[in-house]
């Protein structure tokens, strides 16, 4: 499912799953994606989804809508495109990390992954920031997928699964590390006390 990661000054402020055929973006509170910034018009842009295709259309906004640095009126989005509205940057992701890998494994080697009974709901967990400007901050992992990092530099996702939490690389040339070891292309399961380093910031995974 396509997803938007909204950030300002390199800090992720929200992530939005595109579930509707038409998703509006603007400063007014009735929009699907509200960006409360004077550089953003009341009704700034709209995203229209048709099957796997997503088109972004500028709604005659005052300051314009940009995709990968170029002003657009209407454009089809591709995985990893960067949308700019005012001072906000919005990363468009259409290929969730790890999803394709798991599906392929299930098709190619069903005997290696026999059906299992549903597990008990996994316990609550959080990420503690150990270094940087946000040191001491604790983020509880309340969503099924939590995205961390800086868009354009390094982004990872932590997914809550029936048997635990898994971390996977979303984007970035500099791979995040888990306990000082670079993360691979496959999701890695987290255990209590694991230390992640992402975009120069150290974080610790803790079970609550």
C-alpha atoms as a PDB file:
ATOM      1  CA  UNK A   1       0.000   0.000   0.000  1.00  0.00           C
ATOM      2  CA  UNK A   2       1.463   3.422  -0.945  1.00  0.00           C
ATOM      3  CA  UNK A   3       2.680   5.531   1.960  1.00  0.00           C
ATOM      4  CA  UNK A   4       3.730   9.147   2.523  1.00  0.00           C
ATOM      5  CA  UNK A   5       6.419  10.158   5.037  1.00  0.00           C
ATOM      6  CA  UNK A   6       6.068  13.860   5.931  1.00  0.00           C
ATOM      7  CA  UNK A   7       9.103  15.690   7.336  1.00  0.00           C
ATOM      8  CA  UNK A   8      10.359  19.216   8.005  1.00  0.00           C
ATOM      9  CA  UNK A   9      14.031  20.103   8.473  1.00  0.00           C
ATOM     10  CA  UNK A  10      14.901  16.392   8.272  1.00  0.00           C
ATOM     11  CA  UNK A  11      12.584  15.363  11.128  1.00  0.00           C
ATOM     12  CA  UNK A  12       9.694  12.987  10.378  1.00  0.00           C
ATOM     13  CA  UNK A  13       6.428  14.481  11.695  1.00  0.00           C
ATOM     14  CA  UNK A  14       3.866  12.000  10.365  1.00  0.00           C
ATOM     15  CA  UNK A  15       3.322   9.084   8.032  1.00  0.00           C
ATOM     16  CA  UNK A  16       0.147   8.465   6.073  1.00  0.00           C
ATOM     17  CA  UNK A  17      -1.085   5.307   4.321  1.00  0.00           C
ATOM     18  CA  UNK A  18      -2.947   6.078   1.079  1.00  0.00           C
ATOM     19  CA  UNK A  19      -6.164   4.079   1.375  1.00  0.00           C
ATOM     20  CA  UNK A  20      -8.656   6.285  -0.499  1.00  0.00           C
ATOM     21  CA  UNK A  21      -9.073   7.012  -4.216  1.00  0.00           C
ATOM     22  CA  UNK A  22      -8.759  10.738  -3.458  1.00  0.00           C
ATOM     23  CA  UNK A  23      -6.589  12.196  -0.676  1.00  0.00           C
ATOM     24  CA  UNK A  24      -6.447  15.981  -0.181  1.00  0.00           C
ATOM     25  CA  UNK A  25      -3.498  17.905   1.257  1.00  0.00           C
ATOM     26  CA  UNK A  26      -3.513  21.438   2.639  1.00  0.00           C
ATOM     27  CA  UNK A  27      -3.548  23.800   5.622  1.00  0.00           C
ATOM     28  CA  UNK A  28      -7.308  23.674   6.317  1.00  0.00           C
ATOM     29  CA  UNK A  29      -8.395  21.152   8.983  1.00  0.00           C
ATOM     30  CA  UNK A  30     -10.856  19.363   6.684  1.00  0.00           C
ATOM     31  CA  UNK A  31      -8.051  18.004   4.455  1.00  0.00           C
ATOM     32  CA  UNK A  32      -7.060  14.328   4.720  1.00  0.00           C
ATOM     33  CA  UNK A  33      -3.433  15.415   5.267  1.00  0.00           C
ATOM     34  CA  UNK A  34      -3.244  18.665   7.258  1.00  0.00           C
ATOM     35  CA  UNK A  35       0.014  20.652   7.121  1.00  0.00           C
ATOM     36  CA  UNK A  36      -0.327  23.658   9.411  1.00  0.00           C
ATOM     37  CA  UNK A  37       2.145  26.015   7.769  1.00  0.00           C
ATOM     38  CA  UNK A  38       1.508  29.422   6.193  1.00  0.00           C
ATOM     39  CA  UNK A  39       3.532  28.437   3.105  1.00  0.00           C
ATOM     40  CA  UNK A  40       0.915  25.746   2.396  1.00  0.00           C
ATOM     41  CA  UNK A  41      -2.396  26.753   0.782  1.00  0.00           C
ATOM     42  CA  UNK A  42      -5.743  25.903   2.379  1.00  0.00           C
ATOM     43  CA  UNK A  43      -6.376  23.392  -0.407  1.00  0.00           C
ATOM     44  CA  UNK A  44      -2.888  22.785  -1.766  1.00  0.00           C
ATOM     45  CA  UNK A  45      -2.860  19.489  -3.691  1.00  0.00           C
ATOM     46  CA  UNK A  46      -4.692  16.212  -4.193  1.00  0.00           C
ATOM     47  CA  UNK A  47      -3.435  12.638  -4.615  1.00  0.00           C
ATOM     48  CA  UNK A  48      -5.579  10.386  -6.794  1.00  0.00           C
ATOM     49  CA  UNK A  49      -5.075   6.631  -6.639  1.00  0.00           C
ATOM     50  CA  UNK A  50      -6.162   4.320  -9.446  1.00  0.00           C
ATOM     51  CA  UNK A  51      -5.058   0.744  -8.868  1.00  0.00           C
ATOM     52  CA  UNK A  52      -1.301   0.840  -8.312  1.00  0.00           C
ATOM     53  CA  UNK A  53      -0.950   4.310  -9.888  1.00  0.00           C
ATOM     54  CA  UNK A  54      -0.926   7.497  -7.809  1.00  0.00           C
ATOM     55  CA  UNK A  55      -1.168  10.938  -9.445  1.00  0.00           C
ATOM     56  CA  UNK A  56      -0.374  14.200  -7.628  1.00  0.00           C
ATOM     57  CA  UNK A  57      -2.171  17.358  -8.778  1.00  0.00           C
ATOM     58  CA  UNK A  58      -1.500  20.929  -7.626  1.00  0.00           C
ATOM     59  CA  UNK A  59      -4.748  22.797  -6.817  1.00  0.00           C
ATOM     60  CA  UNK A  60      -3.551  26.224  -8.016  1.00  0.00           C
ATOM     61  CA  UNK A  61      -1.656  26.687  -4.749  1.00  0.00           C
ATOM     62  CA  UNK A  62       0.077  29.981  -3.963  1.00  0.00           C
ATOM     63  CA  UNK A  63       3.599  28.570  -3.613  1.00  0.00           C
ATOM     64  CA  UNK A  64       3.294  25.574  -5.927  1.00  0.00           C
ATOM     65  CA  UNK A  65       3.877  21.842  -5.571  1.00  0.00           C
ATOM     66  CA  UNK A  66       7.242  20.314  -6.428  1.00  0.00           C
ATOM     67  CA  UNK A  67       8.314  16.740  -7.204  1.00  0.00           C
ATOM     68  CA  UNK A  68      12.053  16.041  -7.051  1.00  0.00           C
ATOM     69  CA  UNK A  69      12.746  19.786  -7.215  1.00  0.00           C
ATOM     70  CA  UNK A  70      10.538  20.544 -10.247  1.00  0.00           C
ATOM     71  CA  UNK A  71       7.227  22.423 -10.156  1.00  0.00           C
ATOM     72  CA  UNK A  72       4.313  20.276 -11.350  1.00  0.00           C
ATOM     73  CA  UNK A  73       0.651  20.710 -12.223  1.00  0.00           C
ATOM     74  CA  UNK A  74      -0.154  16.998 -12.380  1.00  0.00           C
ATOM     75  CA  UNK A  75       2.249  14.068 -12.317  1.00  0.00           C
ATOM     76  CA  UNK A  76       2.257  10.336 -11.700  1.00  0.00           C
ATOM     77  CA  UNK A  77       4.380   9.476  -8.675  1.00  0.00           C
ATOM     78  CA  UNK A  78       7.104   6.843  -8.596  1.00  0.00           C
ATOM     79  CA  UNK A  79       8.572   5.001  -5.606  1.00  0.00           C
ATOM     80  CA  UNK A  80      10.982   7.265  -3.645  1.00  0.00           C
ATOM     81  CA  UNK A  81       9.771  10.525  -5.244  1.00  0.00           C
ATOM     82  CA  UNK A  82      10.124  13.576  -2.969  1.00  0.00           C
ATOM     83  CA  UNK A  83       7.187  16.012  -2.890  1.00  0.00           C
ATOM     84  CA  UNK A  84       7.769  19.539  -1.578  1.00  0.00           C
ATOM     85  CA  UNK A  85       4.984  21.797  -0.263  1.00  0.00           C
ATOM     86  CA  UNK A  86       6.219  24.896   1.535  1.00  0.00           C
ATOM     87  CA  UNK A  87       9.034  23.841   3.870  1.00  0.00           C
ATOM     88  CA  UNK A  88       7.719  20.290   4.187  1.00  0.00           C
ATOM     89  CA  UNK A  89       9.133  17.341   2.269  1.00  0.00           C
ATOM     90  CA  UNK A  90       6.974  14.285   1.639  1.00  0.00           C
ATOM     91  CA  UNK A  91       8.578  10.995   0.597  1.00  0.00           C
ATOM     92  CA  UNK A  92       6.351   8.755  -1.542  1.00  0.00           C
ATOM     93  CA  UNK A  93       6.890   5.035  -0.914  1.00  0.00           C
ATOM     94  CA  UNK A  94       5.054   2.392  -2.922  1.00  0.00           C
ATOM     95  CA  UNK A  95       7.183  -0.684  -2.115  1.00  0.00           C
ATOM     96  CA  UNK A  96       7.173  -1.558   1.613  1.00  0.00           C
ATOM     97  CA  UNK A  97      10.534  -2.923   2.745  1.00  0.00           C
ATOM     98  CA  UNK A  98      10.516  -6.658   3.287  1.00  0.00           C
ATOM     99  CA  UNK A  99       7.005  -7.325   1.949  1.00  0.00           C
ATOM    100  CA  UNK A 100       8.142  -8.691  -1.415  1.00  0.00           C
ATOM    101  CA  UNK A 101      10.787 -10.878   0.237  1.00  0.00           C
ATOM    102  CA  UNK A 102       8.323 -12.585   2.542  1.00  0.00           C
ATOM    103  CA  UNK A 103       5.809 -13.223  -0.216  1.00  0.00           C
ATOM    104  CA  UNK A 104       8.479 -14.775  -2.445  1.00  0.00           C
ATOM    105  CA  UNK A 105       9.638 -17.088   0.342  1.00  0.00           C
ATOM    106  CA  UNK A 106       6.093 -18.307   0.956  1.00  0.00           C
ATOM    107  CA  UNK A 107       5.581 -19.118  -2.740  1.00  0.00           C
ATOM    108  CA  UNK A 108       8.948 -20.733  -3.436  1.00  0.00           C
ATOM    109  CA  UNK A 109       9.351 -22.853  -0.322  1.00  0.00           C
ATOM    110  CA  UNK A 110       6.005 -23.497   1.356  1.00  0.00           C
ATOM    111  CA  UNK A 111       7.388 -26.576   3.126  1.00  0.00           C
ATOM    112  CA  UNK A 112       9.931 -24.407   4.940  1.00  0.00           C
ATOM    113  CA  UNK A 113       7.167 -22.227   6.388  1.00  0.00           C
ATOM    114  CA  UNK A 114       4.322 -24.462   7.611  1.00  0.00           C
ATOM    115  CA  UNK A 115       1.185 -22.722   8.881  1.00  0.00           C
ATOM    116  CA  UNK A 116       1.353 -21.839  12.542  1.00  0.00           C
ATOM    117  CA  UNK A 117      -1.333 -21.071  15.078  1.00  0.00           C
ATOM    118  CA  UNK A 118      -1.844 -17.353  15.786  1.00  0.00           C
ATOM    119  CA  UNK A 119       0.567 -16.209  18.455  1.00  0.00           C
ATOM    120  CA  UNK A 120      -0.363 -14.269  21.545  1.00  0.00           C
ATOM    121  CA  UNK A 121      -0.249 -10.491  20.989  1.00  0.00           C
ATOM    122  CA  UNK A 122       3.315  -9.295  21.395  1.00  0.00           C
ATOM    123  CA  UNK A 123       4.093  -7.020  24.363  1.00  0.00           C
ATOM    124  CA  UNK A 124       4.503  -3.260  24.154  1.00  0.00           C
ATOM    125  CA  UNK A 125       7.851  -1.777  23.206  1.00  0.00           C
ATOM    126  CA  UNK A 126       9.521   1.593  22.743  1.00  0.00           C
ATOM    127  CA  UNK A 127      12.539   3.263  21.195  1.00  0.00           C
ATOM    128  CA  UNK A 128      14.770   5.358  23.501  1.00  0.00           C
ATOM    129  CA  UNK A 129      16.949   7.998  21.855  1.00  0.00           C
ATOM    130  CA  UNK A 130      20.469   7.769  23.291  1.00  0.00           C
ATOM    131  CA  UNK A 131      22.292  10.535  21.393  1.00  0.00           C
ATOM    132  CA  UNK A 132      21.715  13.741  19.439  1.00  0.00           C
ATOM    133  CA  UNK A 133      19.352  16.644  20.037  1.00  0.00           C
ATOM    134  CA  UNK A 134      16.481  14.341  21.027  1.00  0.00           C
ATOM    135  CA  UNK A 135      18.538  12.310  23.563  1.00  0.00           C
ATOM    136  CA  UNK A 136      16.351  11.030  26.392  1.00  0.00           C
ATOM    137  CA  UNK A 137      13.177  10.968  24.306  1.00  0.00           C
ATOM    138  CA  UNK A 138      11.166   7.737  24.349  1.00  0.00           C
ATOM    139  CA  UNK A 139       8.789   6.786  21.535  1.00  0.00           C
ATOM    140  CA  UNK A 140       6.274   4.024  22.269  1.00  0.00           C
ATOM    141  CA  UNK A 141       5.702   1.718  19.292  1.00  0.00           C
ATOM    142  CA  UNK A 142       1.917   1.927  19.172  1.00  0.00           C
ATOM    143  CA  UNK A 143       1.442   1.489  15.410  1.00  0.00           C
ATOM    144  CA  UNK A 144       1.921  -1.678  13.395  1.00  0.00           C
ATOM    145  CA  UNK A 145       4.642   0.112  11.388  1.00  0.00           C
ATOM    146  CA  UNK A 146       6.738   2.936  12.866  1.00  0.00           C
ATOM    147  CA  UNK A 147       9.150   4.824  10.597  1.00  0.00           C
ATOM    148  CA  UNK A 148      12.327   6.349  12.060  1.00  0.00           C
ATOM    149  CA  UNK A 149      15.225   8.367  10.635  1.00  0.00           C
ATOM    150  CA  UNK A 150      15.766  11.261   8.233  1.00  0.00           C
ATOM    151  CA  UNK A 151      14.244  11.097   4.718  1.00  0.00           C
ATOM    152  CA  UNK A 152      16.935  11.359   2.055  1.00  0.00           C
ATOM    153  CA  UNK A 153      19.628  10.265   4.528  1.00  0.00           C
ATOM    154  CA  UNK A 154      18.525   7.040   6.191  1.00  0.00           C
ATOM    155  CA  UNK A 155      15.062   5.686   7.033  1.00  0.00           C
ATOM    156  CA  UNK A 156      14.148   2.399   8.715  1.00  0.00           C
ATOM    157  CA  UNK A 157      10.838   0.847   9.719  1.00  0.00           C
ATOM    158  CA  UNK A 158       9.964  -1.143  12.836  1.00  0.00           C
ATOM    159  CA  UNK A 159       7.065  -3.554  12.282  1.00  0.00           C
ATOM    160  CA  UNK A 160       5.072  -5.188  15.074  1.00  0.00           C
ATOM    161  CA  UNK A 161       4.542  -8.865  14.250  1.00  0.00           C
ATOM    162  CA  UNK A 162       2.671 -11.603  16.163  1.00  0.00           C
ATOM    163  CA  UNK A 163       5.977 -12.992  17.480  1.00  0.00           C
ATOM    164  CA  UNK A 164       7.963  -9.786  18.006  1.00  0.00           C
ATOM    165  CA  UNK A 165       9.298  -6.628  16.379  1.00  0.00           C
ATOM    166  CA  UNK A 166      11.341  -6.484  13.156  1.00  0.00           C
ATOM    167  CA  UNK A 167      13.475  -3.646  11.784  1.00  0.00           C
ATOM    168  CA  UNK A 168      14.065  -3.147   8.050  1.00  0.00           C
ATOM    169  CA  UNK A 169      15.842  -0.608   5.839  1.00  0.00           C
ATOM    170  CA  UNK A 170      13.477   1.702   3.916  1.00  0.00           C
ATOM    171  CA  UNK A 171      15.947   4.017   2.194  1.00  0.00           C
ATOM    172  CA  UNK A 172      19.366   5.627   2.471  1.00  0.00           C
ATOM    173  CA  UNK A 173      22.900   5.090   1.167  1.00  0.00           C
ATOM    174  CA  UNK A 174      24.272   4.753   4.709  1.00  0.00           C
ATOM    175  CA  UNK A 175      22.788   1.565   6.140  1.00  0.00           C
ATOM    176  CA  UNK A 176      21.551   1.650   9.739  1.00  0.00           C
ATOM    177  CA  UNK A 177      23.395  -0.620  12.175  1.00  0.00           C
ATOM    178  CA  UNK A 178      21.979  -3.042  14.735  1.00  0.00           C
ATOM    179  CA  UNK A 179      24.398  -3.663  17.621  1.00  0.00           C
ATOM    180  CA  UNK A 180      27.202  -2.197  15.427  1.00  0.00           C
ATOM    181  CA  UNK A 181      26.411  -4.572  12.528  1.00  0.00           C
ATOM    182  CA  UNK A 182      24.979  -3.117   9.253  1.00  0.00           C
ATOM    183  CA  UNK A 183      21.404  -4.157   8.543  1.00  0.00           C
ATOM    184  CA  UNK A 184      21.013  -6.373   5.476  1.00  0.00           C
ATOM    185  CA  UNK A 185      18.270  -6.376   2.856  1.00  0.00           C
ATOM    186  CA  UNK A 186      16.087  -8.647   4.997  1.00  0.00           C
ATOM    187  CA  UNK A 187      14.159  -7.559   8.115  1.00  0.00           C
ATOM    188  CA  UNK A 188      15.917  -8.372  11.416  1.00  0.00           C
ATOM    189  CA  UNK A 189      14.104  -9.333  14.611  1.00  0.00           C
ATOM    190  CA  UNK A 190      14.710  -7.079  17.621  1.00  0.00           C
ATOM    191  CA  UNK A 191      15.373  -8.168  21.194  1.00  0.00           C
ATOM    192  CA  UNK A 192      15.193  -6.140  24.402  1.00  0.00           C
ATOM    193  CA  UNK A 193      18.218  -3.819  24.714  1.00  0.00           C
ATOM    194  CA  UNK A 194      19.252  -3.863  21.035  1.00  0.00           C
ATOM    195  CA  UNK A 195      20.964  -0.650  19.919  1.00  0.00           C
ATOM    196  CA  UNK A 196      20.167   0.889  16.520  1.00  0.00           C
ATOM    197  CA  UNK A 197      22.259   3.640  14.919  1.00  0.00           C
ATOM    198  CA  UNK A 198      20.541   5.619  12.173  1.00  0.00           C
ATOM    199  CA  UNK A 199      21.692   8.832  10.483  1.00  0.00           C
ATOM    200  CA  UNK A 200      24.206   9.407  13.294  1.00  0.00           C
ATOM    201  CA  UNK A 201      21.684   8.912  16.100  1.00  0.00           C
ATOM    202  CA  UNK A 202      21.789   5.975  18.516  1.00  0.00           C
ATOM    203  CA  UNK A 203      18.535   4.460  19.743  1.00  0.00           C
ATOM    204  CA  UNK A 204      17.748   1.524  22.031  1.00  0.00           C
ATOM    205  CA  UNK A 205      14.865  -0.920  21.585  1.00  0.00           C
ATOM    206  CA  UNK A 206      13.208  -1.755  24.907  1.00  0.00           C
ATOM    207  CA  UNK A 207      10.291  -3.996  25.820  1.00  0.00           C
ATOM    208  CA  UNK A 208       7.863  -2.370  28.250  1.00  0.00           C
END
